[in-house]
Protein backbone atom coordinates (compact mmCIF):
# COMPACT_ATOMS: atom_id res chain seq x y z
CA MET A 1 -111.22 -144.90 -164.30
CA SER A 2 -112.84 -143.10 -160.88
CA TYR A 3 -115.33 -142.07 -163.09
CA ASN A 4 -117.31 -145.06 -163.44
CA VAL A 5 -117.79 -146.06 -159.84
CA GLN A 6 -118.80 -142.69 -158.86
CA ASP A 7 -122.03 -144.09 -157.58
CA VAL A 8 -120.45 -145.74 -154.81
CA THR A 9 -121.19 -142.44 -152.71
CA SER A 10 -124.90 -143.05 -152.56
CA LEU A 11 -123.94 -146.77 -151.71
CA HIS A 12 -124.27 -146.74 -147.35
CA ASN A 13 -122.57 -150.15 -147.55
CA ALA A 14 -120.26 -150.08 -149.67
CA GLU A 15 -116.88 -148.77 -150.56
CA SER A 16 -114.21 -148.75 -153.79
CA TYR A 17 -110.85 -149.24 -153.87
CA LYS A 18 -108.74 -147.94 -155.36
CA PHE A 19 -105.13 -150.25 -157.20
CA LYS A 20 -102.50 -148.32 -158.17
CA CYS A 21 -99.75 -151.02 -159.82
CA VAL A 22 -97.16 -148.33 -159.68
CA SER A 23 -94.86 -148.72 -155.76
CA VAL A 24 -95.22 -147.29 -152.78
CA PHE A 25 -92.00 -144.99 -153.09
CA PHE A 26 -92.75 -143.76 -156.89
CA MET A 27 -96.63 -142.46 -155.51
CA TYR A 28 -95.17 -140.55 -152.38
CA SER A 29 -92.24 -139.27 -154.08
CA SER A 30 -93.43 -138.32 -157.46
CA PHE A 31 -97.27 -137.60 -156.48
CA ILE A 32 -96.79 -136.14 -152.73
CA CYS A 33 -93.50 -135.27 -152.37
CA VAL A 34 -93.00 -133.16 -155.52
CA PRO A 35 -96.45 -131.19 -156.04
CA ASN A 36 -97.01 -129.82 -152.24
CA GLY A 37 -92.40 -129.09 -152.13
CA MET A 38 -92.15 -131.18 -149.76
CA PRO A 39 -88.65 -133.24 -148.92
CA ILE A 40 -87.86 -136.69 -150.40
CA PRO A 41 -87.19 -139.37 -147.39
CA LEU A 42 -83.56 -140.02 -149.18
CA ASP A 43 -80.36 -138.88 -147.85
CA GLU A 44 -78.28 -136.77 -150.67
CA ASP A 45 -76.47 -139.08 -152.09
CA LEU A 46 -79.23 -141.03 -153.43
CA LEU A 47 -81.58 -137.70 -153.88
CA LYS A 48 -78.16 -136.53 -156.62
CA LYS A 49 -79.10 -140.19 -158.61
CA LEU A 50 -83.46 -140.05 -158.52
CA PRO A 51 -84.26 -139.12 -162.22
CA ILE A 52 -86.17 -136.25 -162.71
CA LEU A 53 -89.52 -136.79 -164.96
CA GLU A 54 -90.71 -134.58 -167.32
CA PRO A 55 -94.00 -134.44 -168.73
CA ASP A 56 -94.46 -136.42 -171.80
CA ALA A 57 -97.78 -137.33 -171.75
CA PRO A 58 -99.94 -136.07 -174.72
CA GLU A 59 -102.76 -133.39 -173.89
CA GLU A 60 -105.69 -135.87 -174.68
CA ILE A 61 -103.76 -137.53 -171.82
CA ASN A 62 -103.88 -135.26 -169.69
CA LYS A 63 -107.00 -134.14 -170.02
CA LEU A 64 -108.40 -137.98 -169.50
CA VAL A 65 -106.48 -137.49 -166.17
CA GLU A 66 -107.95 -133.97 -164.85
CA PHE A 67 -111.80 -135.14 -165.28
CA GLN A 68 -110.64 -138.65 -163.73
CA LEU A 69 -108.96 -136.37 -160.82
CA GLN A 70 -112.56 -135.43 -159.87
CA TYR A 71 -113.86 -138.77 -158.28
CA ARG A 72 -110.21 -139.91 -156.23
CA ASP A 73 -111.66 -138.85 -152.82
CA ILE A 74 -114.42 -141.48 -152.94
CA ARG A 75 -112.27 -143.54 -152.59
CA ALA A 76 -111.57 -145.10 -148.90
CA VAL A 77 -108.57 -147.43 -150.02
CA ASP A 78 -105.21 -147.40 -151.83
CA LEU A 79 -103.75 -150.83 -153.06
CA TYR A 80 -100.62 -151.67 -153.90
CA ASN A 81 -98.86 -154.57 -155.18
CA SER A 82 -96.31 -154.73 -152.73
CA ASN A 83 -95.25 -155.83 -148.88
CA LYS A 84 -93.94 -154.17 -146.22
CA ILE A 85 -90.37 -156.41 -146.57
CA LEU A 86 -90.29 -153.49 -149.71
CA GLU A 87 -91.30 -150.43 -149.10
CA GLY A 88 -93.16 -150.18 -144.95
CA ILE A 89 -90.55 -150.26 -142.45
CA VAL A 90 -87.12 -150.44 -141.09
CA MET A 91 -86.35 -153.89 -139.72
CA ILE A 92 -84.00 -156.39 -139.64
CA CYS A 93 -85.14 -159.40 -142.00
CA PRO A 94 -85.06 -162.89 -141.79
CA TYR A 95 -82.26 -163.16 -144.56
CA PHE A 96 -80.35 -160.28 -143.82
CA LEU A 97 -77.04 -159.10 -142.48
CA SER A 98 -78.54 -155.54 -142.05
CA TYR A 99 -80.24 -153.31 -141.22
CA LEU A 100 -83.49 -152.53 -144.02
CA VAL A 101 -84.76 -148.72 -144.13
CA ASN A 102 -87.17 -148.27 -146.55
CA PRO A 103 -90.84 -146.59 -144.54
CA PHE A 104 -92.38 -145.15 -147.82
CA LEU A 105 -95.18 -147.15 -146.82
CA ALA A 106 -95.79 -146.12 -142.97
CA ILE A 107 -94.84 -142.28 -144.03
CA MET A 108 -97.66 -142.77 -146.81
CA GLU A 109 -99.73 -143.99 -144.66
CA LYS A 110 -99.25 -141.18 -142.10
CA PHE A 111 -100.07 -138.46 -145.17
CA ALA A 112 -103.78 -140.70 -146.42
CA SER A 113 -104.44 -140.50 -142.80
CA THR A 114 -104.28 -136.68 -142.60
CA GLN A 115 -106.99 -137.19 -145.39
CA ASN A 116 -109.18 -140.03 -143.99
CA LYS A 117 -107.75 -143.05 -146.24
CA LYS A 118 -105.95 -146.15 -145.99
CA GLN A 119 -103.07 -147.50 -147.20
CA TRP A 120 -102.70 -151.46 -147.98
CA GLU A 121 -100.28 -153.54 -149.12
CA ILE A 122 -101.06 -156.93 -150.63
CA ARG A 123 -98.39 -158.23 -150.75
CA PRO A 124 -97.29 -159.05 -154.81
CA ILE A 125 -99.87 -160.78 -156.30
CA LEU A 126 -98.81 -163.51 -158.08
CA PRO A 127 -98.95 -167.31 -157.56
CA ALA A 128 -98.59 -168.64 -153.76
CA LYS A 129 -95.88 -171.31 -155.19
CA VAL A 130 -93.72 -169.07 -158.62
CA ASP A 131 -91.60 -172.79 -159.02
CA HIS A 132 -95.20 -174.90 -158.74
CA VAL A 133 -97.33 -173.19 -161.62
CA SER A 134 -97.93 -175.72 -164.58
CA TYR A 135 -97.47 -174.25 -167.87
CA LYS A 136 -97.71 -175.80 -171.36
CA ARG A 137 -94.11 -177.01 -171.38
CA ASN A 138 -92.40 -175.08 -174.77
CA LYS A 139 -88.37 -174.55 -175.39
CA CYS A 140 -88.16 -171.69 -172.68
CA SER A 141 -88.93 -175.07 -170.18
CA ASP A 142 -86.27 -177.24 -172.42
CA TRP A 143 -84.28 -174.74 -172.81
CA LEU A 144 -83.39 -174.01 -169.21
CA ASP A 145 -83.98 -177.02 -167.67
CA ASN A 146 -80.53 -178.26 -169.57
CA GLN A 147 -78.90 -175.22 -168.85
CA PRO A 148 -76.79 -175.04 -165.34
CA PRO A 149 -78.05 -173.10 -162.03
CA ARG A 150 -77.57 -168.99 -162.11
CA LEU A 151 -75.84 -169.16 -165.85
CA VAL A 152 -78.95 -167.28 -168.20
CA LEU A 153 -79.77 -163.95 -168.65
CA TYR A 154 -83.23 -163.52 -169.37
CA VAL A 155 -84.00 -160.66 -171.55
CA PHE A 156 -87.62 -158.41 -171.77
CA PHE A 157 -88.56 -155.85 -172.07
CA GLY A 158 -92.45 -155.60 -172.24
CA SER A 159 -94.95 -154.90 -174.39
CA SER A 160 -95.06 -151.33 -174.84
CA THR A 161 -91.31 -151.06 -175.93
CA THR A 162 -89.81 -150.06 -179.33
CA PHE A 163 -86.32 -150.69 -180.24
CA SER A 164 -85.19 -148.93 -183.48
CA ASP A 165 -83.64 -151.26 -185.77
CA LYS A 166 -80.09 -149.57 -185.30
CA GLU A 167 -81.33 -150.44 -181.22
CA VAL A 168 -82.22 -153.99 -181.41
CA MET A 169 -78.63 -154.16 -183.23
CA GLU A 170 -76.50 -153.19 -180.80
CA LEU A 171 -78.79 -155.51 -178.02
CA MET A 172 -77.72 -158.79 -180.56
CA MET A 173 -74.08 -157.19 -180.92
CA GLY A 174 -73.85 -156.85 -176.87
CA LEU A 175 -75.94 -160.29 -175.83
CA GLU A 176 -73.02 -161.89 -178.62
CA ARG A 177 -70.12 -160.72 -177.32
CA SER A 178 -70.90 -161.30 -173.43
CA LYS A 179 -70.43 -164.90 -173.84
CA GLN A 180 -73.14 -165.17 -171.26
CA LYS A 181 -75.94 -167.26 -171.88
CA PHE A 182 -79.41 -165.43 -172.30
CA VAL A 183 -82.35 -166.73 -173.29
CA TRP A 184 -84.36 -163.37 -175.55
CA VAL A 185 -87.94 -162.39 -175.64
CA PHE A 186 -87.61 -160.61 -179.37
CA ARG A 187 -91.55 -159.97 -179.87
CA ASP A 188 -93.60 -156.97 -181.63
CA GLY A 189 -92.84 -153.85 -179.14
CA GLU A 190 -89.20 -154.47 -180.13
CA ARG A 191 -89.17 -154.02 -183.62
CA GLY A 192 -90.35 -151.13 -184.45
CA ASN A 193 -93.52 -148.23 -184.63
CA ILE A 194 -96.45 -150.15 -182.61
CA PHE A 195 -98.61 -146.94 -183.55
CA SER A 196 -97.36 -147.25 -187.21
CA GLU A 197 -100.22 -148.48 -190.29
CA GLU A 198 -98.09 -151.06 -191.55
CA ALA A 199 -97.14 -154.61 -190.49
CA ARG A 200 -93.09 -154.51 -189.89
CA ARG A 201 -90.74 -157.44 -188.47
CA PHE A 202 -87.36 -157.59 -188.25
CA GLU A 203 -85.53 -160.09 -188.90
CA LEU A 204 -81.73 -160.58 -187.15
CA PRO A 205 -79.18 -161.36 -189.63
CA ASP A 206 -78.20 -163.68 -191.20
CA GLY A 207 -75.96 -166.52 -189.06
CA PHE A 208 -77.05 -165.09 -185.44
CA GLU A 209 -79.52 -167.62 -184.69
CA GLU A 210 -77.15 -170.17 -185.77
CA ARG A 211 -74.56 -168.98 -184.03
CA ILE A 212 -75.68 -168.55 -180.27
CA GLU A 213 -77.66 -172.03 -181.17
CA GLY A 214 -77.39 -174.58 -177.92
CA PHE A 215 -76.43 -172.12 -175.54
CA ARG A 216 -78.33 -169.20 -175.76
CA LEU A 217 -81.82 -168.55 -177.30
CA VAL A 218 -84.02 -165.85 -179.30
CA VAL A 219 -88.01 -166.41 -178.46
CA ARG A 220 -90.71 -164.63 -181.10
CA GLU A 221 -93.95 -165.73 -178.75
CA TRP A 222 -95.22 -165.50 -175.99
CA ALA A 223 -92.93 -166.53 -172.81
CA PRO A 224 -94.32 -167.50 -169.15
CA GLN A 225 -92.45 -165.09 -167.25
CA LEU A 226 -93.31 -166.26 -163.92
CA GLU A 227 -91.86 -169.87 -164.76
CA ILE A 228 -87.91 -167.92 -166.43
CA LEU A 229 -87.56 -165.50 -163.60
CA ALA A 230 -88.67 -169.49 -160.89
CA HIS A 231 -86.37 -171.15 -163.32
CA SER A 232 -83.28 -172.30 -161.09
CA SER A 233 -81.22 -171.75 -164.69
CA THR A 234 -81.74 -167.90 -164.58
CA GLY A 235 -79.03 -165.57 -162.67
CA GLY A 236 -80.90 -162.48 -164.18
CA PHE A 237 -83.45 -160.54 -166.01
CA MET A 238 -83.04 -157.67 -168.56
CA SER A 239 -86.16 -155.54 -167.97
CA HIS A 240 -87.68 -152.50 -168.90
CA CYS A 241 -88.57 -152.04 -164.77
CA GLY A 242 -92.29 -152.28 -164.95
CA TRP A 243 -93.67 -152.14 -161.60
CA ASN A 244 -94.78 -156.24 -162.30
CA SER A 245 -91.83 -157.15 -163.49
CA CYS A 246 -89.88 -155.19 -161.01
CA ILE A 247 -92.10 -157.20 -158.09
CA GLU A 248 -91.63 -160.40 -160.38
CA CYS A 249 -88.50 -160.15 -160.42
CA ILE A 250 -88.06 -159.22 -156.76
CA THR A 251 -89.82 -162.04 -156.07
CA ALA A 252 -88.50 -164.98 -158.12
CA GLY A 253 -84.92 -163.27 -156.18
CA VAL A 254 -83.26 -162.87 -159.73
CA PRO A 255 -81.17 -159.87 -159.54
CA MET A 256 -81.98 -157.42 -162.40
CA ALA A 257 -80.05 -155.11 -165.64
CA ALA A 258 -82.18 -151.87 -165.18
CA TRP A 259 -83.15 -150.71 -168.65
CA ALA A 260 -85.87 -147.72 -167.80
CA MET A 261 -87.57 -146.73 -171.18
CA HIS A 262 -91.12 -144.27 -170.26
CA SER A 263 -93.52 -143.13 -167.46
CA GLU A 264 -92.74 -144.78 -163.84
CA GLN A 265 -89.82 -147.04 -165.60
CA PRO A 266 -86.86 -144.48 -164.20
CA PRO A 267 -88.03 -144.29 -160.20
CA ASN A 268 -87.96 -148.02 -160.32
CA ALA A 269 -84.94 -148.77 -161.75
CA PHE A 270 -83.60 -146.24 -159.04
CA PHE A 271 -85.57 -148.18 -156.37
CA VAL A 272 -84.69 -151.72 -157.45
CA THR A 273 -80.91 -150.36 -157.91
CA GLU A 274 -80.21 -148.03 -155.28
CA ILE A 275 -82.32 -148.58 -152.74
CA LEU A 276 -83.15 -152.27 -152.93
CA LYS A 277 -79.43 -153.09 -154.58
CA THR A 278 -80.85 -155.63 -156.27
CA GLY A 279 -79.10 -154.85 -159.56
CA LEU A 280 -77.59 -152.48 -161.59
CA LEU A 281 -77.88 -149.92 -164.68
CA VAL A 282 -77.74 -151.00 -167.91
CA ARG A 283 -77.90 -146.87 -168.65
CA GLU A 284 -78.51 -143.41 -166.45
CA TRP A 285 -81.87 -142.13 -166.93
CA LYS A 286 -80.16 -138.53 -167.98
CA LYS A 287 -78.40 -140.57 -171.08
CA HIS A 288 -81.78 -141.75 -172.14
CA GLU A 289 -81.37 -140.20 -175.55
CA GLU A 290 -78.98 -141.54 -176.31
CA LEU A 291 -78.44 -145.08 -178.02
CA VAL A 292 -76.68 -148.02 -175.40
CA THR A 293 -74.27 -149.67 -176.99
CA ALA A 294 -73.42 -153.32 -177.98
CA SER A 295 -69.63 -152.93 -175.46
CA ALA A 296 -71.92 -151.08 -173.05
CA ILE A 297 -75.55 -153.68 -172.80
CA GLU A 298 -71.88 -156.57 -173.11
CA ASN A 299 -70.17 -154.80 -169.79
CA VAL A 300 -73.41 -154.42 -167.47
CA THR A 301 -74.18 -158.53 -168.99
CA ARG A 302 -70.72 -159.52 -167.41
CA LYS A 303 -70.56 -157.39 -164.41
CA LEU A 304 -73.52 -158.96 -163.35
CA MET A 305 -74.33 -162.41 -164.53
CA ALA A 306 -69.91 -163.57 -164.60
CA SER A 307 -68.55 -161.15 -161.97
CA GLU A 308 -67.49 -160.85 -158.25
CA GLU A 309 -69.98 -157.72 -157.95
CA GLY A 310 -72.38 -159.03 -159.35
CA ASP A 311 -72.83 -162.63 -157.17
CA LYS A 312 -73.04 -160.52 -154.30
CA ILE A 313 -75.89 -158.90 -155.79
CA ARG A 314 -78.04 -161.87 -156.70
CA LYS A 315 -77.20 -163.51 -153.48
CA ARG A 316 -78.61 -159.94 -152.13
CA ALA A 317 -81.50 -160.46 -154.15
CA GLU A 318 -81.56 -164.31 -153.72
CA GLU A 319 -82.13 -163.42 -149.66
CA LEU A 320 -84.41 -160.43 -150.37
CA GLY A 321 -87.23 -163.00 -152.38
CA ALA A 322 -86.90 -165.66 -150.20
CA SER A 323 -87.66 -163.04 -147.05
CA VAL A 324 -90.81 -161.84 -149.70
CA ARG A 325 -91.93 -165.09 -150.43
CA GLU A 326 -92.20 -165.69 -146.05
CA SER A 327 -94.02 -162.66 -146.09
CA ARG A 328 -97.00 -163.79 -148.70
CA GLU A 329 -96.48 -166.98 -147.00
CA ARG A 330 -96.84 -165.53 -143.07
CA ARG A 331 -100.41 -163.85 -143.82
CA CYS A 332 -103.16 -164.46 -146.30
CA PHE A 333 -104.92 -160.80 -147.82
CA SER A 334 -109.48 -161.69 -148.54
CA THR A 335 -111.09 -158.89 -148.03
CA GLY A 336 -114.90 -157.97 -149.75
CA VAL A 337 -114.56 -156.05 -152.18
CA ILE A 338 -117.82 -154.30 -154.48
CA PHE A 339 -116.03 -151.75 -156.42
CA PHE A 340 -112.69 -151.10 -157.61
CA HIS A 341 -110.63 -148.74 -160.14
CA CYS A 342 -107.49 -148.01 -161.47
CA SER A 343 -105.30 -145.51 -161.09
CA TYR A 344 -103.77 -143.92 -164.57
CA TYR A 345 -100.10 -143.69 -162.31
């Protein structure tokens, strides 16, 4: 919404800072490298796996974005909900046995400096101590308190994702057949077309909730995601890979079953599974128009939650989460900001 702060240029003592609600990796690869014909700094094997996104925004959105872009240069700084542990420099993390190589922030800083712009990572924007956040007690909290450590899969696909009846049935069967413990937050976005005028509620088949009672949980209302991810019983997160969910999952030290749906989510899933190596793909993006079957969901759930490979991924996720949390505690970021504007990307 850049046009909202265009008058900042008339104020001699003010700056506008642009908060970008995506990763540095996504911005650099998709909006710097691709439009300018620049190589993406990944090795050849990874480049072959990088999802290719096709333009899919409605014409109205394209026109709105084009209108906003004419004011983009008034910003002084780009802010990212990320940090150098994830996207910054080549370094040895204190909890890792190997080098973490992901210098996208450094590359972006160098590129932006040619335009006299600064790039700041402001650390994950989360409570300093997520595990001590006080939420009103709910059935999620009570249920998780009675589960063993790291054995529960948290399943939620955000508020803007829609599932068909067939997709819901496949997900339900896959989760049940995996025989793993899970908390499934089943909200309106998964019950049909959110743009239709007629309200619609998908009913799970008779007997399903009774069959899973006691060792699995279906939640139909809002659930405290930060608390669930930080809970000692949570050992995995099946997610649509929105950047906020990725950051929350990474910071909590939880591995991800990455199931991208649209927008920047496919590159986010790639980033988590192929670069950070803290998750598994539920489906490859090149197959995103195909139905994800119950057997595929069952297999990835078992692999993540009950296999030697899953245990290694979980350990890596826990170590990375510890490094990210420690980096946040080492530095407190504060600044006086007068104007903010948002990026649509």
